[in-house]
Protein backbone atom coordinates (compact mmCIF):
# COMPACT_ATOMS: atom_id res chain seq x y z
CA ASP A 1 77.12 98.23 83.52
CA SER A 2 77.46 100.76 80.70
CA LEU A 3 78.03 104.50 81.35
CA PHE A 4 74.75 105.09 79.19
CA THR A 5 71.32 104.33 79.71
CA ASN A 6 69.28 102.20 77.25
CA ASN A 7 68.36 105.42 75.68
CA GLY A 8 71.60 106.86 75.27
CA ASN A 9 71.76 109.15 78.13
CA ALA A 10 74.54 109.47 80.46
CA ARG A 11 73.97 108.08 83.74
CA TYR A 12 75.49 108.29 87.25
CA LEU A 13 78.87 106.87 87.27
CA ALA A 14 79.89 106.77 91.03
CA THR A 15 78.82 108.41 94.30
CA ASN A 16 81.23 109.85 96.72
CA ASN A 17 80.36 108.85 100.29
CA SER A 18 82.76 110.83 102.67
CA TRP A 19 80.73 109.82 105.72
CA GLY A 20 80.41 107.02 108.01
CA GLY A 21 79.30 105.64 111.36
CA GLY A 22 76.57 103.74 112.95
CA GLY A 23 75.77 100.06 112.16
CA TYR A 24 74.87 97.77 109.28
CA ASN A 25 71.44 98.89 107.67
CA SER A 26 69.67 96.42 105.37
CA ALA A 27 67.94 99.26 103.36
CA LEU A 28 71.08 100.91 102.56
CA ASP A 29 72.79 97.86 101.72
CA ALA A 30 70.03 96.71 99.39
CA SER A 31 70.09 100.37 97.69
CA ILE A 32 73.97 100.05 97.01
CA LYS A 33 73.41 96.54 95.62
CA GLU A 34 70.74 97.76 93.50
CA GLY A 35 72.95 100.72 92.24
CA ALA A 36 75.88 98.25 91.45
CA GLU A 37 73.25 96.37 89.25
CA LEU A 38 72.93 99.65 87.34
CA GLY A 39 76.84 100.03 87.16
CA ILE A 40 76.98 102.73 89.94
CA ILE A 41 80.16 102.55 91.89
CA PHE A 42 79.98 103.31 95.71
CA VAL A 43 83.10 104.97 96.98
CA ALA A 44 83.32 105.27 100.60
CA SER A 45 85.78 106.73 103.28
CA ALA A 46 87.26 104.01 105.41
CA GLY A 47 87.05 105.79 108.67
CA ASN A 48 89.28 107.81 111.04
CA ASP A 49 89.31 105.46 114.05
CA ALA A 50 92.85 103.86 113.41
CA ARG A 51 91.00 100.42 113.60
CA ASN A 52 90.96 97.33 111.60
CA ASN A 53 87.72 97.16 109.41
CA ASP A 54 88.27 93.52 108.94
CA LEU A 55 87.60 92.82 112.65
CA VAL A 56 84.84 95.30 113.26
CA GLY A 57 82.92 96.51 110.27
CA TYR A 58 82.73 100.23 109.63
CA TYR A 59 79.99 101.41 107.42
CA PRO A 60 79.25 102.25 104.64
CA ALA A 61 82.62 101.20 103.61
CA ASN A 62 82.10 97.62 104.63
CA TYR A 63 79.26 96.87 102.52
CA GLN A 64 79.78 94.84 99.43
CA ALA A 65 77.93 94.97 95.93
CA ILE A 66 79.38 92.39 93.81
CA HIS A 67 78.34 92.89 90.03
CA ASN A 68 80.23 91.18 87.14
CA ASN A 69 82.57 89.55 89.93
CA VAL A 70 83.60 92.83 91.00
CA ASP A 71 82.60 94.49 94.12
CA HIS A 72 81.38 98.02 93.39
CA VAL A 73 82.04 99.20 96.68
CA ILE A 74 85.42 101.01 97.06
CA SER A 75 86.72 101.48 100.44
CA VAL A 76 89.45 104.29 100.79
CA ALA A 77 92.11 104.77 103.42
CA SER A 78 94.34 107.79 103.90
CA ILE A 79 97.91 108.39 103.18
CA ASP A 80 99.81 111.51 104.28
CA GLU A 81 102.19 113.60 101.97
CA THR A 82 105.04 111.15 102.59
CA GLY A 83 102.86 108.42 101.21
CA ALA A 84 102.56 106.55 104.59
CA ALA A 85 99.48 105.75 106.23
CA SER A 86 97.82 108.50 107.82
CA SER A 87 98.00 107.79 111.73
CA PHE A 88 94.10 107.99 112.05
CA SER A 89 93.20 105.92 109.09
CA ASN A 90 91.28 102.80 109.50
CA TYR A 91 92.62 99.87 107.46
CA GLY A 92 92.14 96.18 106.51
CA THR A 93 93.70 93.86 103.99
CA GLU A 94 90.50 92.31 103.27
CA THR A 95 87.92 95.22 103.56
CA VAL A 96 90.05 98.34 102.22
CA ASP A 97 90.50 98.39 98.81
CA ILE A 98 92.77 101.29 98.10
CA ALA A 99 94.59 104.25 99.86
CA ALA A 100 94.85 107.83 98.59
CA PRO A 101 95.86 110.97 99.84
CA GLY A 102 94.05 112.48 102.83
CA GLY A 103 96.19 114.44 104.97
CA SER A 104 95.98 118.40 104.90
CA ILE A 105 93.99 118.66 101.66
CA GLY A 106 92.52 121.87 100.74
CA SER A 107 88.90 122.14 100.15
CA THR A 108 86.27 124.60 99.98
CA SER A 109 84.43 125.97 103.18
CA PRO A 110 81.29 127.97 103.84
CA ASN A 111 81.58 131.73 103.51
CA ASN A 112 83.95 131.59 100.38
CA ARG A 113 86.78 130.09 102.34
CA TYR A 114 89.25 127.28 101.87
CA VAL A 115 90.38 125.02 104.60
CA TYR A 116 92.95 122.22 105.12
CA SER A 117 91.49 119.11 106.40
CA SER A 118 92.60 115.53 107.12
CA GLY A 119 90.60 112.37 107.04
CA THR A 120 89.61 109.60 104.84
CA SER A 121 86.66 111.77 103.87
CA MET A 122 89.19 113.79 101.84
CA ALA A 123 90.64 110.69 100.35
CA ALA A 124 87.84 109.17 99.18
CA PRO A 125 87.15 111.97 96.48
CA HIS A 126 90.51 111.40 95.12
CA VAL A 127 89.16 107.88 94.00
CA SER A 128 85.64 109.27 92.83
CA GLY A 129 87.75 111.83 90.68
CA ALA A 130 90.11 109.39 89.34
CA LEU A 131 86.96 107.14 88.23
CA GLY A 132 85.69 110.27 86.55
CA LEU A 133 88.97 110.83 84.73
CA LEU A 134 89.02 107.63 83.58
CA ALA A 135 85.58 107.44 82.15
CA SER A 136 86.34 110.53 80.37
CA LYS A 137 89.18 108.80 78.42
CA ASN A 138 86.98 105.68 77.55
CA SER A 139 83.11 106.41 77.70
CA GLN A 140 82.48 102.79 76.24
CA ALA A 141 84.19 101.29 79.31
CA THR A 142 82.01 99.93 81.79
CA SER A 143 82.01 100.47 85.64
CA THR A 144 83.66 96.98 86.08
CA GLU A 145 86.31 97.91 83.59
CA LEU A 146 86.88 101.35 85.42
CA ILE A 147 87.31 99.56 88.66
CA GLN A 148 89.78 97.07 87.45
CA ALA A 149 91.80 99.82 85.75
CA LEU A 150 91.82 101.82 88.89
CA TYR A 151 93.23 98.74 90.81
CA SER A 152 95.48 97.56 88.01
CA GLY A 153 97.15 100.65 87.70
CA ALA A 154 97.56 101.35 91.48
CA ASP A 155 101.03 101.41 92.91
CA LYS A 156 101.75 98.52 95.39
CA GLU A 157 103.53 99.55 98.31
CA ASN A 158 105.29 97.41 100.94
CA ASN A 159 104.54 100.14 103.77
CA LEU A 160 100.82 100.03 103.02
CA ARG A 161 100.80 96.00 102.65
CA ASP A 162 98.95 96.01 106.29
CA ILE A 163 96.48 99.08 105.19
CA SER A 164 94.83 98.05 101.94
CA LYS A 165 94.33 94.96 99.83
CA GLY A 166 97.75 94.25 98.12
CA GLY A 167 99.04 97.63 99.65
CA LYS A 168 97.46 99.65 96.65
CA ARG A 169 97.75 103.29 96.37
CA LEU A 170 96.06 105.40 93.99
CA ASN A 171 97.92 106.06 90.87
CA ILE A 172 95.82 107.79 88.34
CA THR A 173 98.71 107.97 85.66
CA GLY A 174 99.09 104.14 85.97
CA SER A 175 95.30 103.58 85.65
CA LEU A 176 94.90 105.90 82.83
CA GLU A 177 97.79 103.77 80.83
CA VAL A 178 96.09 100.36 81.53
CA LEU A 179 92.52 101.59 80.46
CA PRO A 180 91.96 101.29 76.72
CA LYS A 181 91.47 104.58 74.79
CA ASP A 182 87.96 105.17 73.46
CA ASN A 183 88.68 104.27 69.98
CA ASP A 184 85.11 103.55 69.18
CA ILE A 185 84.07 107.48 69.04
CA GLU A 186 84.75 108.95 65.63
CA PRO A 187 85.36 112.52 65.05
CA PRO A 188 82.50 114.38 63.84
CA THR A 189 82.38 114.83 59.96
CA ILE A 190 81.92 118.21 58.59
CA SER A 191 79.71 118.72 55.53
CA ILE A 192 80.48 121.62 53.42
CA SER A 193 78.05 122.52 50.78
CA SER A 194 78.44 125.01 48.09
CA SER A 195 75.82 126.66 45.97
CA SER A 196 76.40 128.99 42.85
CA SER A 197 73.85 131.49 41.46
CA SER A 198 73.75 132.55 38.05
């Protein structure tokens, strides 16, 4: 569950999965669970069909990968610029974990262009990026602790209570505040030697 492998090298923190469709796949399910055992978080877009994922599973967002009693699959709904749920966003108080901005988001496009797109595929990267920012604050934190900080620092909005678990909306400032700082890393020491010649 550490951000580092046994030999001290950094490992993958998370994968961003801005895609969906098709049914359950046992091989993919097993791969996501294997990744979770290594501490890899699977961030997924909740889908753009304005439907309840609690009733009809949407994959890969509806997979579960429990490690250290925490699901390492994070399903992300979309909110618009007002903070309301996007009209197209899938939802689910049991299966959608958090909401993030997904309306008219600027992104790169082929041929050196920028475009504005809407969808839960635009919301999920906000959560993936937030996890990366949290890890940069505390490189000793486990992926379980990063997920817990993500949720603990999230805003709980009444207007999202039917959209995501507990009506949670991404708040990176709040999550950074609840995650302990990386106090174990000491600043490098500088050694200065002098020599004299006669």
